[in-house]
Amino acid sequence: MLGYGVRMDIRTALSVAGVCAMVGVLAGWRGARPPNPMKGPRMVPWRFVMVLAATGALLFGITAAHMALGR
């Protein structure tokens, strides 16, 4: 089984949570920009990317907090 019994370092969890948060902020900014019909449709679903990144930041933040408490 992949990933079974593998422990993550708290620095790694915080780093991944920070990267996810930064991607979420960038995607939120890009998704909130008004559409430009002259350029054509948007090829990246920025709102969906924002939701996925926020979910990742939340999960890895919870993982880091769980490790910090030593449970």
Protein backbone atom coordinates (compact mmCIF):
# COMPACT_ATOMS: atom_id res chain seq x y z
CA MET A 1 0.00 0.00 0.00
CA LEU A 2 1.38 3.34 -0.98
CA GLY A 3 1.72 5.83 1.85
CA TYR A 4 0.79 3.39 4.56
CA GLY A 5 2.78 4.07 7.73
CA VAL A 6 4.69 7.02 6.26
CA ARG A 7 5.05 9.94 8.67
CA MET A 8 5.21 13.52 7.48
CA ASP A 9 7.47 16.13 9.06
CA ILE A 10 5.71 19.17 10.52
CA ARG A 11 7.82 21.51 8.37
CA THR A 12 6.73 19.66 5.26
CA ALA A 13 3.07 19.86 6.26
CA LEU A 14 3.32 23.59 6.96
CA SER A 15 5.17 24.18 3.69
CA VAL A 16 2.56 22.32 1.65
CA ALA A 17 -0.23 24.17 3.49
CA GLY A 18 1.46 27.49 2.72
CA VAL A 19 1.90 26.64 -0.96
CA CYS A 20 -1.74 25.56 -1.17
CA ALA A 21 -2.81 28.82 0.47
CA MET A 22 -0.73 30.87 -1.99
CA VAL A 23 -2.15 28.95 -4.96
CA GLY A 24 -5.64 29.52 -3.54
CA VAL A 25 -5.07 33.27 -3.25
CA LEU A 26 -3.68 33.43 -6.80
CA ALA A 27 -6.56 31.38 -8.19
CA GLY A 28 -9.08 33.52 -6.30
CA TRP A 29 -7.57 36.67 -7.77
CA ARG A 30 -7.54 35.21 -11.28
CA GLY A 31 -11.10 33.91 -10.94
CA ALA A 32 -12.44 37.26 -9.73
CA ARG A 33 -11.15 39.17 -12.75
CA PRO A 34 -13.86 40.20 -15.22
CA PRO A 35 -14.10 38.05 -18.34
CA ASN A 36 -12.68 39.42 -21.57
CA PRO A 37 -14.77 38.17 -24.52
CA MET A 38 -12.18 39.46 -27.01
CA LYS A 39 -9.58 37.00 -25.66
CA GLY A 40 -11.96 34.05 -25.74
CA PRO A 41 -13.06 31.70 -22.98
CA ARG A 42 -10.96 30.98 -19.92
CA MET A 43 -9.19 27.67 -20.27
CA VAL A 44 -8.48 27.21 -16.55
CA PRO A 45 -11.39 26.90 -14.07
CA TRP A 46 -9.87 29.26 -11.50
CA ARG A 47 -12.72 29.01 -8.99
CA PHE A 48 -12.43 25.22 -8.90
CA VAL A 49 -8.64 25.49 -8.50
CA MET A 50 -9.23 27.92 -5.63
CA VAL A 51 -11.58 25.49 -3.86
CA LEU A 52 -9.14 22.59 -4.29
CA ALA A 53 -6.21 24.65 -3.01
CA ALA A 54 -8.21 25.88 0.00
CA THR A 55 -9.17 22.29 0.80
CA GLY A 56 -5.52 21.22 0.60
CA ALA A 57 -4.43 24.10 2.83
CA LEU A 58 -7.09 23.17 5.36
CA LEU A 59 -6.17 19.49 5.39
CA PHE A 60 -2.43 20.05 5.65
CA GLY A 61 -2.97 22.75 8.29
CA ILE A 62 -4.99 20.27 10.35
CA THR A 63 -2.23 17.70 9.85
CA ALA A 64 0.40 20.17 11.07
CA ALA A 65 -1.70 21.10 14.09
CA HIS A 66 -2.22 17.43 14.86
CA MET A 67 1.55 16.86 14.76
CA ALA A 68 2.24 19.95 16.86
CA LEU A 69 -0.03 18.63 19.60
CA GLY A 70 1.77 15.30 19.49
CA ARG A 71 -1.25 13.12 19.00
